[in-house]
C-alpha atoms as a PDB file:
ATOM      1  CA  MET A   1      -0.130 -10.292 -17.034  1.00  0.00           C
ATOM      2  CA  LYS A   2      -2.106  -6.442 -16.147  1.00  0.00           C
ATOM      3  CA  TYR A   3      -2.303  -4.449 -12.939  1.00  0.00           C
ATOM      4  CA  ILE A   4      -5.418  -3.137 -12.241  1.00  0.00           C
ATOM      5  CA  VAL A   5      -5.445  -0.182 -10.059  1.00  0.00           C
ATOM      6  CA  LEU A   6      -8.697   0.203  -8.506  1.00  0.00           C
ATOM      7  CA  ASP A   7     -10.273   2.913  -6.572  1.00  0.00           C
ATOM      8  CA  MET A   8     -13.541   3.270  -5.347  1.00  0.00           C
ATOM      9  CA  GLU A   9     -15.980   6.092  -3.843  1.00  0.00           C
ATOM     10  CA  TRP A  10     -19.220   4.473  -1.171  1.00  0.00           C
ATOM     11  CA  ASN A  11     -21.713   6.540   0.507  1.00  0.00           C
ATOM     12  CA  GLN A  12     -22.078   5.607   4.122  1.00  0.00           C
ATOM     13  CA  PRO A  13     -25.796   6.529   6.243  1.00  0.00           C
ATOM     14  CA  ALA A  14     -26.198   9.425   7.943  1.00  0.00           C
ATOM     15  CA  TYR A  15     -26.755   9.041  11.546  1.00  0.00           C
ATOM     16  CA  GLY A  16     -29.904   7.745  12.226  1.00  0.00           C
ATOM     17  CA  GLU A  17     -30.875   6.367   9.323  1.00  0.00           C
ATOM     18  CA  ALA A  18     -32.360   2.864   8.218  1.00  0.00           C
ATOM     19  CA  VAL A  19     -29.792   0.809   5.924  1.00  0.00           C
ATOM     20  CA  LEU A  20     -31.078  -2.273   4.533  1.00  0.00           C
ATOM     21  CA  CYS A  21     -29.653  -6.035   4.415  1.00  0.00           C
ATOM     22  CA  LYS A  22     -30.109  -8.664   2.559  1.00  0.00           C
ATOM     23  CA  ASN A  23     -28.213 -11.778   1.453  1.00  0.00           C
ATOM     24  CA  GLY A  24     -26.843 -11.525   5.369  1.00  0.00           C
ATOM     25  CA  VAL A  25     -25.330  -8.011   4.243  1.00  0.00           C
ATOM     26  CA  CYS A  26     -26.480  -4.529   5.617  1.00  0.00           C
ATOM     27  CA  MET A  27     -25.264  -1.801   3.415  1.00  0.00           C
ATOM     28  CA  LYS A  28     -23.472   0.575   5.734  1.00  0.00           C
ATOM     29  CA  ASN A  29     -21.073   1.517   2.604  1.00  0.00           C
ATOM     30  CA  GLU A  30     -22.425   1.066  -0.721  1.00  0.00           C
ATOM     31  CA  ILE A  31     -20.468   2.003  -3.795  1.00  0.00           C
ATOM     32  CA  ILE A  32     -21.254   5.095  -5.339  1.00  0.00           C
ATOM     33  CA  GLN A  33     -18.185   5.262  -7.765  1.00  0.00           C
ATOM     34  CA  ILE A  34     -15.072   3.008  -8.897  1.00  0.00           C
ATOM     35  CA  GLY A  35     -11.620   3.989 -10.765  1.00  0.00           C
ATOM     36  CA  ALA A  36      -8.930   2.026 -11.659  1.00  0.00           C
ATOM     37  CA  VAL A  37      -6.112   2.319 -13.953  1.00  0.00           C
ATOM     38  CA  LYS A  38      -4.591  -0.947 -16.162  1.00  0.00           C
ATOM     39  CA  LEU A  39      -1.071  -1.177 -15.586  1.00  0.00           C
ATOM     40  CA  ASP A  40       1.017  -2.895 -18.253  1.00  0.00           C
ATOM     41  CA  GLU A  41       3.990  -5.599 -17.116  1.00  0.00           C
ATOM     42  CA  ASN A  42       6.019  -2.708 -17.130  1.00  0.00           C
ATOM     43  CA  GLY A  43       3.581  -0.944 -14.449  1.00  0.00           C
ATOM     44  CA  LYS A  44       2.716   2.168 -17.742  1.00  0.00           C
ATOM     45  CA  THR A  45      -0.824   3.250 -18.005  1.00  0.00           C
ATOM     46  CA  VAL A  46      -2.869   1.867 -20.867  1.00  0.00           C
ATOM     47  CA  ASP A  47      -6.324   2.324 -20.499  1.00  0.00           C
ATOM     48  CA  THR A  48      -8.636   3.750 -17.622  1.00  0.00           C
ATOM     49  CA  PHE A  49     -12.784   3.281 -15.923  1.00  0.00           C
ATOM     50  CA  GLU A  50     -15.345   5.367 -14.261  1.00  0.00           C
ATOM     51  CA  ARG A  51     -18.125   5.090 -13.848  1.00  0.00           C
ATOM     52  CA  ILE A  52     -20.825   6.440 -11.315  1.00  0.00           C
ATOM     53  CA  ILE A  53     -23.420   3.690  -9.479  1.00  0.00           C
ATOM     54  CA  LYS A  54     -26.830   4.457  -8.746  1.00  0.00           C
ATOM     55  CA  PRO A  55     -27.634   3.096  -5.351  1.00  0.00           C
ATOM     56  CA  VAL A  56     -30.684   1.081  -4.293  1.00  0.00           C
ATOM     57  CA  SER A  57     -30.291   1.146  -0.578  1.00  0.00           C
ATOM     58  CA  LEU A  58     -28.299   4.646  -0.075  1.00  0.00           C
ATOM     59  CA  THR A  59     -30.323   6.461  -2.012  1.00  0.00           C
ATOM     60  CA  SER A  60     -29.717  10.284  -0.243  1.00  0.00           C
ATOM     61  CA  MET A  61     -26.195  11.459  -0.296  1.00  0.00           C
ATOM     62  CA  ASN A  62     -24.336  11.864   3.658  1.00  0.00           C
ATOM     63  CA  LYS A  63     -23.638  15.249   3.509  1.00  0.00           C
ATOM     64  CA  VAL A  64     -19.895  14.636   4.559  1.00  0.00           C
ATOM     65  CA  ILE A  65     -19.173  12.166   1.761  1.00  0.00           C
ATOM     66  CA  LYS A  66     -20.939  14.713  -0.666  1.00  0.00           C
ATOM     67  CA  GLN A  67     -18.729  17.405   0.340  1.00  0.00           C
ATOM     68  CA  LEU A  68     -15.855  14.512   0.943  1.00  0.00           C
ATOM     69  CA  THR A  69     -16.281  13.522  -2.960  1.00  0.00           C
ATOM     70  CA  GLY A  70     -18.702  15.996  -5.415  1.00  0.00           C
ATOM     71  CA  ILE A  71     -20.849  13.789  -6.017  1.00  0.00           C
ATOM     72  CA  THR A  72     -24.366  14.361  -5.999  1.00  0.00           C
ATOM     73  CA  ASP A  73     -27.647  13.699  -5.272  1.00  0.00           C
ATOM     74  CA  GLU A  74     -28.659  14.375  -9.296  1.00  0.00           C
ATOM     75  CA  MET A  75     -25.221  12.761 -10.562  1.00  0.00           C
ATOM     76  CA  LEU A  76     -26.371   9.528  -8.849  1.00  0.00           C
ATOM     77  CA  ASP A  77     -29.818   9.764 -10.273  1.00  0.00           C
ATOM     78  CA  LYS A  78     -28.278   9.295 -13.613  1.00  0.00           C
ATOM     79  CA  GLY A  79     -25.658   6.281 -12.498  1.00  0.00           C
ATOM     80  CA  GLU A  80     -25.829   3.353 -13.785  1.00  0.00           C
ATOM     81  CA  ALA A  81     -26.973  -0.129 -11.700  1.00  0.00           C
ATOM     82  CA  PHE A  82     -24.551  -2.004  -9.889  1.00  0.00           C
ATOM     83  CA  GLY A  83     -24.536  -5.218 -11.448  1.00  0.00           C
ATOM     84  CA  SER A  84     -24.046  -3.096 -15.151  1.00  0.00           C
ATOM     85  CA  VAL A  85     -21.053  -1.766 -13.826  1.00  0.00           C
ATOM     86  CA  ILE A  86     -19.212  -4.550 -12.002  1.00  0.00           C
ATOM     87  CA  GLU A  87     -19.770  -6.546 -15.645  1.00  0.00           C
ATOM     88  CA  SER A  88     -18.073  -2.986 -17.394  1.00  0.00           C
ATOM     89  CA  PHE A  89     -15.387  -3.752 -14.997  1.00  0.00           C
ATOM     90  CA  LYS A  90     -14.564  -7.033 -15.713  1.00  0.00           C
ATOM     91  CA  GLU A  91     -14.186  -6.851 -19.412  1.00  0.00           C
ATOM     92  CA  PHE A  92     -12.306  -4.056 -18.937  1.00  0.00           C
ATOM     93  CA  CYS A  93      -9.753  -5.738 -16.607  1.00  0.00           C
ATOM     94  CA  THR A  94      -8.961  -8.784 -18.943  1.00  0.00           C
ATOM     95  CA  GLU A  95      -8.549 -11.889 -17.908  1.00  0.00           C
ATOM     96  CA  GLN A  96      -5.001 -12.473 -16.097  1.00  0.00           C
ATOM     97  CA  PHE A  97      -4.296  -9.293 -14.087  1.00  0.00           C
ATOM     98  CA  VAL A  98      -4.048  -8.983 -10.019  1.00  0.00           C
ATOM     99  CA  LEU A  99      -5.896  -5.563  -7.584  1.00  0.00           C
ATOM    100  CA  LEU A 100      -3.755  -3.219  -6.405  1.00  0.00           C
ATOM    101  CA  ILE A 101      -5.496  -0.926  -3.821  1.00  0.00           C
ATOM    102  CA  TRP A 102      -4.758   1.838  -1.716  1.00  0.00           C
ATOM    103  CA  GLY A 103      -5.547   0.831   2.466  1.00  0.00           C
ATOM    104  CA  CYS A 104      -7.126  -2.115   2.900  1.00  0.00           C
ATOM    105  CA  ASP A 105     -10.817  -1.699   2.733  1.00  0.00           C
ATOM    106  CA  ASP A 106     -12.153  -1.852  -0.875  1.00  0.00           C
ATOM    107  CA  VAL A 107     -11.578  -5.645  -1.567  1.00  0.00           C
ATOM    108  CA  ARG A 108     -13.682  -6.133   1.382  1.00  0.00           C
ATOM    109  CA  ILE A 109     -16.653  -3.161   0.837  1.00  0.00           C
ATOM    110  CA  LEU A 110     -16.301  -4.354  -3.040  1.00  0.00           C
ATOM    111  CA  ARG A 111     -17.072  -8.535  -1.469  1.00  0.00           C
ATOM    112  CA  ASN A 112     -20.109  -7.012   0.808  1.00  0.00           C
ATOM    113  CA  ASN A 113     -21.773  -4.550  -1.943  1.00  0.00           C
ATOM    114  CA  LEU A 114     -21.757  -8.124  -4.548  1.00  0.00           C
ATOM    115  CA  LYS A 115     -22.700 -10.624  -1.834  1.00  0.00           C
ATOM    116  CA  PHE A 116     -25.357  -8.358  -1.474  1.00  0.00           C
ATOM    117  CA  PHE A 117     -26.618  -7.470  -4.775  1.00  0.00           C
ATOM    118  CA  GLY A 118     -26.453 -11.890  -5.327  1.00  0.00           C
ATOM    119  CA  LEU A 119     -23.700 -11.503  -7.663  1.00  0.00           C
ATOM    120  CA  ASP A 120     -20.756 -14.108  -7.775  1.00  0.00           C
ATOM    121  CA  GLU A 121     -17.483 -12.573  -6.011  1.00  0.00           C
ATOM    122  CA  LYS A 122     -14.802 -15.546  -7.382  1.00  0.00           C
ATOM    123  CA  TRP A 123     -13.775 -13.318 -10.018  1.00  0.00           C
ATOM    124  CA  ILE A 124     -11.587 -10.878  -7.479  1.00  0.00           C
ATOM    125  CA  PRO A 125      -8.029 -11.891  -7.831  1.00  0.00           C
ATOM    126  CA  LYS A 126      -5.438 -11.171  -5.639  1.00  0.00           C
ATOM    127  CA  TYR A 127      -4.877  -8.375  -4.555  1.00  0.00           C
ATOM    128  CA  TYR A 128      -1.949  -5.560  -2.663  1.00  0.00           C
ATOM    129  CA  ASN A 129      -2.035  -3.150  -0.899  1.00  0.00           C
ATOM    130  CA  LEU A 130       0.322  -0.111  -2.642  1.00  0.00           C
ATOM    131  CA  GLN A 131       0.256   1.136   1.311  1.00  0.00           C
ATOM    132  CA  MET A 132       1.959  -1.324   2.736  1.00  0.00           C
ATOM    133  CA  ILE A 133       4.626  -1.314  -0.113  1.00  0.00           C
ATOM    134  CA  PHE A 134       5.200   2.131  -0.399  1.00  0.00           C
ATOM    135  CA  SER A 135       5.945   2.109   3.237  1.00  0.00           C
ATOM    136  CA  MET A 136       8.268  -0.666   3.338  1.00  0.00           C
ATOM    137  CA  GLN A 137      10.767   0.789  -0.453  1.00  0.00           C
ATOM    138  CA  THR A 138      10.610   4.414   1.698  1.00  0.00           C
ATOM    139  CA  GLY A 139      11.624   3.282   4.849  1.00  0.00           C
ATOM    140  CA  LEU A 140       9.043   5.118   6.313  1.00  0.00           C
ATOM    141  CA  GLU A 141       7.391   3.384  10.007  1.00  0.00           C
ATOM    142  CA  LYS A 142       4.918   0.446   8.769  1.00  0.00           C
ATOM    143  CA  ARG A 143       1.663   2.104   9.695  1.00  0.00           C
ATOM    144  CA  GLN A 144      -1.218   3.470   7.243  1.00  0.00           C
ATOM    145  CA  TYR A 145      -0.227   6.771   4.899  1.00  0.00           C
ATOM    146  CA  ALA A 146      -2.845   8.566   3.031  1.00  0.00           C
ATOM    147  CA  LEU A 147      -2.581   8.881  -0.668  1.00  0.00           C
ATOM    148  CA  SER A 148      -1.751  13.065  -0.320  1.00  0.00           C
ATOM    149  CA  PHE A 149       1.235  12.036   2.058  1.00  0.00           C
ATOM    150  CA  ALA A 150       2.992   9.741  -0.476  1.00  0.00           C
ATOM    151  CA  LEU A 151       2.208  12.028  -3.780  1.00  0.00           C
ATOM    152  CA  GLU A 152       4.476  14.485  -1.598  1.00  0.00           C
ATOM    153  CA  HIS A 153       7.010  13.005  -0.442  1.00  0.00           C
ATOM    154  CA  LEU A 154       7.450  11.146  -3.852  1.00  0.00           C
ATOM    155  CA  ALA A 155       7.145  14.455  -5.367  1.00  0.00           C
ATOM    156  CA  ILE A 156       4.009  14.010  -7.741  1.00  0.00           C
ATOM    157  CA  SER A 157       2.864  17.332  -8.656  1.00  0.00           C
ATOM    158  CA  ALA A 158      -1.358  16.655  -7.485  1.00  0.00           C
ATOM    159  CA  ASP A 159      -4.494  18.778  -7.807  1.00  0.00           C
ATOM    160  CA  GLU A 160      -5.523  18.014  -4.203  1.00  0.00           C
ATOM    161  CA  SER A 161      -8.931  19.321  -4.602  1.00  0.00           C
ATOM    162  CA  ARG A 162      -9.503  16.644  -7.433  1.00  0.00           C
ATOM    163  CA  LEU A 163      -8.468  14.263  -5.144  1.00  0.00           C
ATOM    164  CA  HIS A 164     -11.524  11.694  -3.914  1.00  0.00           C
ATOM    165  CA  ASP A 165     -12.378  10.647  -7.131  1.00  0.00           C
ATOM    166  CA  ALA A 166     -12.583   7.096  -8.017  1.00  0.00           C
ATOM    167  CA  LEU A 167     -10.413   7.863 -10.985  1.00  0.00           C
ATOM    168  CA  TYR A 168      -8.119  10.130 -10.040  1.00  0.00           C
ATOM    169  CA  ASP A 169      -7.244   9.013  -6.749  1.00  0.00           C
ATOM    170  CA  ALA A 170      -6.317   5.634  -9.352  1.00  0.00           C
ATOM    171  CA  MET A 171      -4.517   7.566 -11.406  1.00  0.00           C
ATOM    172  CA  CYS A 172      -2.586   9.000  -8.188  1.00  0.00           C
ATOM    173  CA  SER A 173      -2.004   5.677  -7.855  1.00  0.00           C
ATOM    174  CA  ALA A 174      -0.883   4.872 -10.843  1.00  0.00           C
ATOM    175  CA  LEU A 175       1.803   7.606 -10.962  1.00  0.00           C
ATOM    176  CA  VAL A 176       2.583   5.790  -6.939  1.00  0.00           C
ATOM    177  CA  CYS A 177       3.371   3.115  -8.377  1.00  0.00           C
ATOM    178  CA  GLU A 178       6.031   4.452 -11.212  1.00  0.00           C
ATOM    179  CA  LYS A 179       7.911   5.263  -8.070  1.00  0.00           C
ATOM    180  CA  LEU A 180       7.960   2.096  -6.768  1.00  0.00           C
ATOM    181  CA  ASP A 181       9.414  -1.841  -7.636  1.00  0.00           C
ATOM    182  CA  LEU A 182       6.259  -3.106  -8.169  1.00  0.00           C
ATOM    183  CA  LYS A 183       6.957  -6.309  -9.159  1.00  0.00           C
ATOM    184  CA  ASN A 184       9.515  -6.644  -5.778  1.00  0.00           C
ATOM    185  CA  GLY A 185       6.604  -5.236  -3.545  1.00  0.00           C
ATOM    186  CA  ILE A 186       4.334  -7.445  -4.473  1.00  0.00           C
ATOM    187  CA  GLU A 187       6.917 -10.045  -4.567  1.00  0.00           C
ATOM    188  CA  ASN A 188       7.287  -9.263  -0.179  1.00  0.00           C
ATOM    189  CA  LEU A 189       3.843  -8.956   0.071  1.00  0.00           C
ATOM    190  CA  LYS A 190       2.886 -12.605  -0.857  1.00  0.00           C
ATOM    191  CA  HIS A 191       3.292 -14.223   2.555  1.00  0.00           C
ATOM    192  CA  MET A 192       0.248 -11.684   3.615  1.00  0.00           C
ATOM    193  CA  PRO A 193      -2.812 -13.291   4.702  1.00  0.00           C
ATOM    194  CA  THR A 194      -5.240 -12.309   1.831  1.00  0.00           C
ATOM    195  CA  SER A 195      -8.513 -14.019   0.381  1.00  0.00           C
ATOM    196  CA  GLU A 196      -5.995 -15.771  -1.734  1.00  0.00           C
ATOM    197  CA  ASN A 197      -3.646 -17.227   0.900  1.00  0.00           C
ATOM    198  CA  LYS A 198      -5.319 -16.691   4.222  1.00  0.00           C
ATOM    199  CA  GLY A 199      -4.173 -20.344   5.495  1.00  0.00           C
ATOM    200  CA  GLU A 200      -0.597 -18.845   6.432  1.00  0.00           C
ATOM    201  CA  LYS A 201      -0.898 -17.762   9.691  1.00  0.00           C
ATOM    202  CA  GLY A 202       1.916 -15.322  10.535  1.00  0.00           C
ATOM    203  CA  SER A 203       1.570 -12.587  13.087  1.00  0.00           C
ATOM    204  CA  ALA A 204       1.206  -9.589  10.925  1.00  0.00           C
ATOM    205  CA  VAL A 205      -1.781  -6.962  10.935  1.00  0.00           C
ATOM    206  CA  LEU A 206      -4.116  -8.266   8.315  1.00  0.00           C
ATOM    207  CA  LEU A 207      -6.019  -4.524   9.012  1.00  0.00           C
ATOM    208  CA  LYS A 208      -5.401  -1.811  10.771  1.00  0.00           C
ATOM    209  CA  ARG A 209      -8.641   0.932  10.971  1.00  0.00           C
ATOM    210  CA  LYS A 210      -8.933   4.429  12.680  1.00  0.00           C
ATOM    211  CA  PHE A 211     -11.414   5.832  14.175  1.00  0.00           C
ATOM    212  CA  ARG A 212     -11.227  10.488  14.715  1.00  0.00           C
ATOM    213  CA  HIS A 213     -13.830  12.913  16.252  1.00  0.00           C
ATOM    214  CA  ILE A 214     -15.604  10.507  19.295  1.00  0.00           C
ATOM    215  CA  LYS A 215     -16.506  12.327  22.153  1.00  0.00           C
ATOM    216  CA  THR A 216     -16.302  10.391  24.751  1.00  0.00           C
ATOM    217  CA  ARG A 217     -14.837   7.195  26.558  1.00  0.00           C
ATOM    218  CA  GLU A 218     -18.604   5.149  26.690  1.00  0.00           C
ATOM    219  CA  ASP A 219     -19.266   6.075  22.696  1.00  0.00           C
ATOM    220  CA  ILE A 220     -16.046   3.443  22.111  1.00  0.00           C
ATOM    221  CA  TRP A 221     -17.435   1.052  24.003  1.00  0.00           C
ATOM    222  CA  ALA A 222     -21.117   1.485  22.610  1.00  0.00           C
ATOM    223  CA  ASN A 223     -18.830   1.540  18.766  1.00  0.00           C
ATOM    224  CA  GLY A 224     -19.749  -1.945  17.250  1.00  0.00           C
ATOM    225  CA  TYR A 225     -17.024  -1.244  14.227  1.00  0.00           C
ATOM    226  CA  ILE A 226     -14.969  -0.686  17.180  1.00  0.00           C
ATOM    227  CA  ILE A 227     -16.004  -3.190  19.687  1.00  0.00           C
ATOM    228  CA  ARG A 228     -17.260  -5.872  17.907  1.00  0.00           C
ATOM    229  CA  PRO A 229     -14.853  -5.786  14.561  1.00  0.00           C
ATOM    230  CA  VAL A 230     -16.289  -8.339  11.411  1.00  0.00           C
ATOM    231  CA  CYS A 231     -13.887 -10.675  10.361  1.00  0.00           C
ATOM    232  CA  PRO A 232     -10.969  -9.036   7.615  1.00  0.00           C
ATOM    233  CA  PHE A 233     -11.533 -12.052   4.993  1.00  0.00           C
ATOM    234  CA  CYS A 234     -14.722 -12.551   4.592  1.00  0.00           C
ATOM    235  CA  GLY A 235     -16.869  -9.458   6.483  1.00  0.00           C
ATOM    236  CA  GLU A 236     -19.204 -11.395   8.030  1.00  0.00           C
ATOM    237  CA  LYS A 237     -19.913 -10.535  11.533  1.00  0.00           C
ATOM    238  CA  MET A 238     -17.977 -12.720  14.422  1.00  0.00           C
ATOM    239  CA  LYS A 239     -18.275 -14.326  18.162  1.00  0.00           C
ATOM    240  CA  HIS A 240     -16.818 -12.355  20.208  1.00  0.00           C
ATOM    241  CA  GLU A 241     -15.328 -13.277  23.733  1.00  0.00           C
ATOM    242  CA  LYS A 242     -16.022  -9.677  26.292  1.00  0.00           C
ATOM    243  CA  PRO A 243     -13.665  -7.392  25.543  1.00  0.00           C
ATOM    244  CA  LYS A 244     -10.828  -7.336  28.037  1.00  0.00           C
ATOM    245  CA  ARG A 245      -8.987  -3.670  28.998  1.00  0.00           C
ATOM    246  CA  ILE A 246      -5.487  -4.116  29.799  1.00  0.00           C
ATOM    247  CA  ASN A 247      -5.483  -0.473  30.703  1.00  0.00           C
ATOM    248  CA  ASN A 248      -7.310   2.557  30.313  1.00  0.00           C
ATOM    249  CA  ASN A 249      -6.026   3.243  26.458  1.00  0.00           C
ATOM    250  CA  ARG A 250      -5.986  -0.627  25.337  1.00  0.00           C
ATOM    251  CA  ILE A 251      -8.372  -2.586  24.886  1.00  0.00           C
ATOM    252  CA  HIS A 252      -8.124  -6.382  23.339  1.00  0.00           C
ATOM    253  CA  VAL A 253     -11.373  -7.685  21.209  1.00  0.00           C
ATOM    254  CA  GLU A 254     -10.939 -11.435  20.533  1.00  0.00           C
ATOM    255  CA  GLY A 255     -13.209 -12.919  17.519  1.00  0.00           C
ATOM    256  CA  HIS A 256     -14.124 -15.787  15.622  1.00  0.00           C
ATOM    257  CA  CYS A 257     -15.181 -16.341  12.846  1.00  0.00           C
ATOM    258  CA  GLU A 258     -16.641 -20.312  11.626  1.00  0.00           C
ATOM    259  CA  LYS A 259     -15.600 -19.788   8.359  1.00  0.00           C
ATOM    260  CA  ASP A 260     -11.984 -18.067   8.533  1.00  0.00           C
ATOM    261  CA  GLY A 261     -11.041 -18.592  12.663  1.00  0.00           C
ATOM    262  CA  ASP A 262      -9.873 -16.322  15.651  1.00  0.00           C
ATOM    263  CA  PHE A 263      -8.738 -12.550  15.452  1.00  0.00           C
ATOM    264  CA  MET A 264      -7.836 -10.242  17.807  1.00  0.00           C
ATOM    265  CA  ALA A 265      -8.379  -6.922  17.603  1.00  0.00           C
ATOM    266  CA  VAL A 266      -5.707  -4.407  19.702  1.00  0.00           C
ATOM    267  CA  VAL A 267      -8.042  -1.101  19.957  1.00  0.00           C
ATOM    268  CA  LYS A 268      -5.722   1.352  21.160  1.00  0.00           C
ATOM    269  CA  ILE A 269      -6.672   5.381  22.514  1.00  0.00           C
ATOM    270  CA  SER A 270      -5.618   8.476  22.509  1.00  0.00           C
ATOM    271  CA  GLU A 271      -7.015  11.986  23.490  1.00  0.00           C
ATOM    272  CA  THR A 272      -6.720  14.858  21.245  1.00  0.00           C
ATOM    273  CA  PRO A 273      -5.731  18.867  21.982  1.00  0.00           C
ATOM    274  CA  GLN A 274      -9.496  19.027  21.159  1.00  0.00           C
ATOM    275  CA  LYS A 275     -10.518  16.528  24.537  1.00  0.00           C
ATOM    276  CA  THR A 276     -11.567  14.174  22.119  1.00  0.00           C
ATOM    277  CA  PHE A 277     -10.131  10.633  21.167  1.00  0.00           C
ATOM    278  CA  SER A 278      -8.803   8.509  18.431  1.00  0.00           C
ATOM    279  CA  VAL A 279      -9.340   4.881  18.185  1.00  0.00           C
ATOM    280  CA  SER A 280      -6.749   2.657  16.477  1.00  0.00           C
ATOM    281  CA  GLN A 281      -7.252  -0.582  15.836  1.00  0.00           C
ATOM    282  CA  GLN A 282      -5.562  -3.482  14.441  1.00  0.00           C
ATOM    283  CA  MET A 283      -6.872  -6.705  13.475  1.00  0.00           C
ATOM    284  CA  TYR A 284      -4.284  -9.815  13.758  1.00  0.00           C
ATOM    285  CA  ILE A 285      -4.281 -13.816  12.960  1.00  0.00           C
ATOM    286  CA  LEU A 286      -4.863 -15.127  16.414  1.00  0.00           C
ATOM    287  CA  ASP A 287      -2.592 -17.938  16.555  1.00  0.00           C
ATOM    288  CA  GLU A 288      -1.129 -19.805  19.536  1.00  0.00           C
ATOM    289  CA  LYS A 289       2.497 -17.323  18.360  1.00  0.00           C
ATOM    290  CA  THR A 290       0.248 -14.689  18.273  1.00  0.00           C
ATOM    291  CA  ARG A 291      -2.174 -15.488  21.747  1.00  0.00           C
ATOM    292  CA  GLU A 292       1.762 -16.019  23.160  1.00  0.00           C
ATOM    293  CA  TYR A 293       2.273 -12.730  22.406  1.00  0.00           C
ATOM    294  CA  PHE A 294      -1.015 -10.903  23.821  1.00  0.00           C
ATOM    295  CA  GLU A 295      -0.982 -12.627  27.407  1.00  0.00           C
ATOM    296  CA  ARG A 296       3.099 -11.150  26.982  1.00  0.00           C
ATOM    297  CA  SER A 297       2.139  -7.770  26.693  1.00  0.00           C
ATOM    298  CA  LYS A 298      -0.581  -7.658  28.750  1.00  0.00           C
ATOM    299  CA  LYS A 299       1.102  -8.921  32.111  1.00  0.00           C
ATOM    300  CA  LYS A 300       3.507  -6.501  30.688  1.00  0.00           C
ATOM    301  CA  SER A 301       0.834  -3.995  31.138  1.00  0.00           C
ATOM    302  CA  GLN A 302      -0.026  -4.475  33.838  1.00  0.00           C
ATOM    303  CA  ARG A 303       3.054  -4.542  35.503  1.00  0.00           C
ATOM    304  CA  LYS A 304       3.504  -1.301  34.693  1.00  0.00           C
ATOM    305  CA  HIS A 305       0.168  -0.058  35.995  1.00  0.00           C
ATOM    306  CA  HIS A 306       1.388  -2.117  39.765  1.00  0.00           C
ATOM    307  CA  THR A 307       5.214  -0.746  40.327  1.00  0.00           C
ATOM    308  CA  ARG A 308       3.883   3.414  38.916  1.00  0.00           C
ATOM    309  CA  PRO A 309       5.178   5.881  41.724  1.00  0.00           C
ATOM    310  CA  LYS A 310       2.706   6.036  44.862  1.00  0.00           C
ATOM    311  CA  LYS A 311       1.938  10.171  44.411  1.00  0.00           C
ATOM    312  CA  ARG A 312       0.932   9.222  40.431  1.00  0.00           C
ATOM    313  CA  ALA A 313      -1.459   6.760  41.503  1.00  0.00           C
ATOM    314  CA  LEU A 314      -2.793   8.884  44.380  1.00  0.00           C
ATOM    315  CA  SER A 315      -3.567  11.562  41.880  1.00  0.00           C
ATOM    316  CA  ALA A 316      -4.618   9.182  39.328  1.00  0.00           C
ATOM    317  CA  ARG A 317      -7.491   8.157  42.008  1.00  0.00           C
ATOM    318  CA  LYS A 318      -8.194  10.961  43.347  1.00  0.00           C
ATOM    319  CA  ALA A 319      -8.720  12.564  39.123  1.00  0.00           C
ATOM    320  CA  VAL A 320     -11.140   9.433  39.099  1.00  0.00           C
ATOM    321  CA  VAL A 321     -13.401  11.190  42.281  1.00  0.00           C
ATOM    322  CA  VAL A 322     -13.761  14.451  40.663  1.00  0.00           C
ATOM    323  CA  ASN A 323     -14.378  13.088  37.426  1.00  0.00           C
ATOM    324  CA  GLU A 324     -17.413  10.860  39.182  1.00  0.00           C
END
């Protein structure tokens, strides 16, 4: 059994740019680079893989993504076709392997790109989030940590100017693996939902996302990624109930996927010192247990609101009048 540490970079549309839709997928995140490191059963690096992909939908680099990754339009023009790169990657992986990824989005976006191009996705094996293994085994709060934070925390030397290159990020993730008890970490994550065991329902967070530099609260409500999230398993659109405003900084969004069932997105809003807004979105399976929990959470929040001191409540009402 081999481990494949996978990292990808993808292009995104510029503001107002049209995207192609095909096979039920709109190409909002087109993969432009795949990097991977193959580890043996002891977690030691034995091989690497890297390819630049020539896009067919988002053919020009988003300026922000270009600055982040260093990938230029000229590099994309010399890239290979997505299908050809996927075949080369599958040959690189060997027959028996598990995927290790840093974060929540890589496999979802890989599946969407495969669907867009009409390619088989059944070859994707079990995959495990190294972010979660890192946070569990370092005793840190169970939340998302950037790869750069993990490298610094584990005293691993890295060139920060090379981060956000798919191969370099995969190599750095592999170095993190050497500091972790990989087998034990994977064993502890096996109860977490993935494409292979999604029938096992628990109250654990499935996905966490951050949205930063949002100018107004109205922009939050207008953002489909926040208020109308896709299914965390298959990536397809869901049917949503009307979002419920629990309080001024918390929103619950209930969604139903015909294939994978019911989910709850918990949206938490915080204002930054720069007077913009930062949003945290957490996705949960919505079953009897979690539904009961969210109902209790809602009532608790409402009780806090109604028991605020009158003076504070009055000043809050005045603030609303002034803002209007």
